[in-house]
Protein backbone atom coordinates (compact mmCIF):
# COMPACT_ATOMS: atom_id res chain seq x y z
CA MET A 1 0.00 -0.07 -0.20
CA GLN A 2 2.37 2.66 0.77
CA VAL A 3 4.61 1.84 -2.59
CA ALA A 4 1.26 2.40 -4.27
CA LEU A 5 0.35 5.69 -2.17
CA ALA A 6 3.85 7.22 -3.19
CA GLN A 7 2.99 7.05 -6.26
CA GLU A 8 0.72 9.65 -6.34
CA THR A 9 1.94 13.20 -7.00
CA ASP A 10 -0.77 14.60 -4.59
CA LEU A 11 -0.43 12.49 -1.66
CA GLU A 12 3.05 11.96 0.62
CA VAL A 13 3.77 9.12 2.82
CA VAL A 14 5.47 10.31 5.81
CA GLY A 15 5.29 6.97 7.94
CA ASP A 16 4.34 3.40 8.36
CA ALA A 17 3.57 1.84 11.62
CA GLY A 18 1.92 -1.71 12.64
CA GLU A 19 1.45 -0.74 16.29
CA ALA A 20 -0.71 1.86 17.72
CA ARG A 21 2.69 3.54 19.81
CA GLN A 22 4.11 3.87 17.19
CA ALA A 23 1.90 5.45 15.18
CA TYR A 24 1.16 8.32 17.87
CA ALA A 25 4.84 9.14 17.58
CA ILE A 26 4.69 9.39 14.22
CA ILE A 27 1.48 11.47 14.31
CA GLY A 28 3.04 13.75 16.91
CA THR A 29 6.05 14.61 14.99
CA GLN A 30 5.11 14.41 11.29
CA LYS A 31 1.73 16.08 11.93
CA PRO A 32 -0.03 14.34 8.46
CA ASP A 33 -3.61 15.35 7.48
CA VAL A 34 -4.68 12.04 6.95
CA VAL A 35 -3.70 8.71 8.63
CA LEU A 36 -4.94 5.27 6.98
CA MET A 37 -5.49 3.19 9.88
CA ASP A 38 -6.32 -0.55 10.25
CA LEU A 39 -8.94 -1.44 12.20
CA MET A 40 -6.82 -4.36 14.09
CA LEU A 41 -3.46 -3.04 15.16
CA LYS A 42 -0.89 -5.26 16.52
CA ASP A 43 -1.26 -3.71 20.18
CA THR A 44 -4.74 -2.62 20.01
CA ASP A 45 -7.91 -1.62 17.58
CA GLY A 46 -8.10 1.60 15.22
CA ILE A 47 -11.64 2.76 17.36
CA SER A 48 -9.34 2.74 20.59
CA ALA A 49 -6.30 4.55 19.28
CA ILE A 50 -8.92 7.21 17.46
CA ARG A 51 -9.90 7.49 21.07
CA GLU A 52 -5.94 7.76 22.59
CA MET A 53 -5.10 10.24 19.58
CA ASN A 54 -7.84 12.50 20.52
CA ARG A 55 -7.00 12.39 24.53
CA GLN A 56 -3.16 13.12 23.07
CA ARG A 57 -4.92 15.71 21.64
CA LEU A 58 -3.00 14.38 18.12
CA ALA A 59 -5.54 16.52 15.76
CA VAL A 60 -5.55 14.16 12.34
CA LYS A 61 -8.25 13.08 10.41
CA VAL A 62 -8.39 9.10 10.07
CA VAL A 63 -9.70 6.62 7.19
CA ILE A 64 -10.34 3.33 8.70
CA LEU A 65 -9.45 0.48 6.81
CA THR A 66 -10.73 -2.96 7.47
CA MET A 67 -12.67 -6.24 6.13
CA GLN A 68 -15.64 -5.70 8.80
CA ALA A 69 -18.81 -4.04 6.52
CA SER A 70 -20.73 -4.29 10.07
CA GLU A 71 -23.21 -1.29 11.04
CA PHE A 72 -21.83 -1.93 14.83
CA PHE A 73 -18.05 -1.00 13.81
CA VAL A 74 -19.00 1.67 11.21
CA ARG A 75 -21.50 3.39 14.09
CA ASP A 76 -17.94 2.85 16.60
CA ALA A 77 -15.15 4.19 14.21
CA LEU A 78 -17.32 7.23 13.12
CA GLY A 79 -18.69 7.73 16.61
CA ALA A 80 -14.93 7.79 18.24
CA GLY A 81 -13.59 10.28 15.03
CA ALA A 82 -12.89 8.40 12.16
CA GLU A 83 -13.68 10.61 8.90
CA GLY A 84 -13.66 7.79 6.85
CA TYR A 85 -14.64 4.04 6.55
CA VAL A 86 -13.13 2.16 3.42
CA LEU A 87 -13.39 -1.43 2.72
CA LYS A 88 -10.02 -3.50 1.82
CA GLU A 89 -11.85 -5.30 -1.04
CA GLN A 90 -12.63 -1.65 -2.57
CA GLY A 91 -9.79 -1.20 -5.26
CA LEU A 92 -7.00 0.72 -4.62
CA ALA A 93 -8.07 3.68 -6.45
CA GLU A 94 -11.41 4.07 -4.44
CA ILE A 95 -8.73 4.18 -1.11
CA ILE A 96 -7.32 6.76 -2.75
CA GLU A 97 -10.37 8.47 -3.52
CA ALA A 98 -11.24 8.08 0.32
CA LEU A 99 -8.07 9.65 1.54
CA ARG A 100 -8.84 12.71 -1.05
CA THR A 101 -12.17 12.81 0.28
CA VAL A 102 -11.19 12.79 3.97
CA ALA A 103 -8.29 15.51 3.04
CA ARG A 104 -10.81 17.97 1.65
CA GLY A 105 -12.59 18.11 4.81
CA GLU A 106 -15.14 15.42 3.71
CA ARG A 107 -16.31 12.31 5.35
CA TYR A 108 -16.45 9.21 3.39
CA LEU A 109 -18.12 5.80 3.40
CA SER A 110 -17.20 3.02 1.33
CA PRO A 111 -20.36 2.98 -1.73
CA GLN A 112 -22.08 -0.16 0.28
CA LEU A 113 -21.82 1.38 3.28
CA ARG A 114 -23.94 4.54 2.44
CA GLY A 115 -27.30 2.92 3.96
CA TYR A 116 -25.00 3.60 7.42
CA ALA A 117 -24.39 7.70 6.54
CA ALA A 118 -26.05 8.60 9.91
CA ALA A 119 -23.94 6.23 11.76
CA GLY A 120 -21.92 8.18 13.75
CA GLN A 121 -24.75 10.96 14.78
CA ARG A 122 -27.92 8.78 15.51
CA LYS A 123 -29.30 6.29 18.41
CA GLY A 124 -31.35 3.90 17.13
CA GLY A 125 -30.59 1.30 14.59
CA ALA A 126 -28.05 -0.99 15.54
CA ALA A 127 -27.97 -4.27 16.18
CA ALA A 128 -30.43 -4.88 19.29
CA GLY A 129 -28.94 -4.02 22.78
CA LEU A 130 -25.43 -2.76 21.39
CA ASP A 131 -26.45 0.55 21.91
CA GLN A 132 -26.34 -0.18 25.66
CA LEU A 133 -22.74 -0.81 25.50
CA SER A 134 -20.37 1.45 27.26
CA ALA A 135 -16.83 2.69 24.93
CA ARG A 136 -14.90 0.27 26.74
CA GLU A 137 -17.25 -2.51 26.82
CA ARG A 138 -17.60 -2.37 23.06
CA GLU A 139 -13.73 -2.68 22.80
CA ILE A 140 -13.83 -5.40 25.13
CA PHE A 141 -17.06 -7.52 23.11
CA SER A 142 -15.02 -6.37 19.56
CA ARG A 143 -12.05 -8.42 21.07
CA ILE A 144 -14.36 -11.66 22.31
CA LEU A 145 -15.68 -11.70 18.79
CA GLN A 146 -12.19 -12.37 17.56
CA GLY A 147 -11.22 -14.75 20.10
CA TRP A 148 -8.76 -12.80 22.35
CA SER A 149 -9.00 -14.48 25.81
CA ASN A 150 -8.91 -12.73 29.16
CA GLN A 151 -5.60 -12.09 29.71
CA GLN A 152 -4.93 -10.65 25.77
CA ILE A 153 -7.74 -7.97 26.60
CA ALA A 154 -6.08 -6.90 29.76
CA THR A 155 -2.62 -6.62 28.79
CA THR A 156 -3.33 -4.81 25.55
CA LEU A 157 -6.14 -2.67 27.35
CA CYS A 158 -3.82 -2.38 30.73
CA ILE A 159 -6.06 -3.53 33.16
CA SER A 160 -6.83 -6.18 35.18
CA ILE A 161 -8.01 -9.81 34.33
CA LYS A 162 -10.81 -8.63 37.07
CA THR A 163 -12.12 -5.68 35.24
CA VAL A 164 -12.09 -7.79 31.70
CA GLU A 165 -14.04 -10.63 33.77
CA THR A 166 -16.62 -7.85 35.13
CA HIS A 167 -17.02 -6.00 32.04
CA ARG A 168 -17.85 -9.05 30.53
CA THR A 169 -20.37 -9.87 32.94
CA HIS A 170 -21.86 -5.99 32.20
CA ILE A 171 -21.63 -7.19 28.21
CA ASN A 172 -23.85 -10.56 28.90
CA ARG A 173 -26.26 -9.02 31.29
CA LYS A 174 -27.05 -5.97 28.57
CA LEU A 175 -27.31 -8.40 25.57
CA GLY A 176 -28.95 -10.83 27.44
CA VAL A 177 -26.35 -13.70 26.57
CA HIS A 178 -24.95 -16.74 29.18
CA SER A 179 -22.15 -17.97 27.48
CA PRO A 180 -19.66 -16.70 24.99
CA ALA A 181 -21.02 -18.91 22.45
CA GLU A 182 -24.27 -17.25 22.62
CA LEU A 183 -22.77 -13.95 22.20
CA ILE A 184 -20.82 -15.10 18.93
CA ARG A 185 -24.56 -16.35 18.18
CA LEU A 186 -26.28 -12.65 18.30
CA ALA A 187 -22.89 -11.11 17.05
CA ALA A 188 -23.57 -13.53 13.53
CA LEU A 189 -27.73 -13.26 13.76
CA GLN A 190 -26.85 -8.83 13.66
CA GLY A 191 -24.48 -9.49 11.11
CA ILE A 192 -21.57 -7.92 13.37
CA VAL A 193 -19.45 -11.94 12.38
CA ALA A 194 -20.12 -14.43 9.95
CA SER A 195 -21.66 -17.62 11.22
């Protein structure tokens, strides 16, 4: 991707990072206009990274690049402050257009996601019950769906295992499920993960 972007005369690649911590340092020193960020990074997820960049007051526009076409993830990304959401299945020309659109100060959503145009602004319409989850619960929920253990979640989010277990209990109660299998089944039924 970096080589392809470097071929564009109006785009300049100022850094590349596989982890959020590296990205924060690059953004802090290079001050890019737009960041193309994968939804899943080695040390966290792109949505959590956007929240951390906001906390650190790193003023940058973010385009999320992912395979996840679920409204749940689109809503979370836009709600956290992403200005664009592009799918990996799109061609390179469309991904570059997303970067240009966001650089101009406009929001970009992949064409197949245009039905979610107000996703970052509205309260209703998401998968049943998911709106009840706090931002931290959503972070943990997305990791559970990816098969992460309590230890992995705790280490990545810098919280205790007991805190992860408490959040899992709250997630299960809010969503009306009683086991990880039921949680996965609910996510599949809502189109958040493939069944």
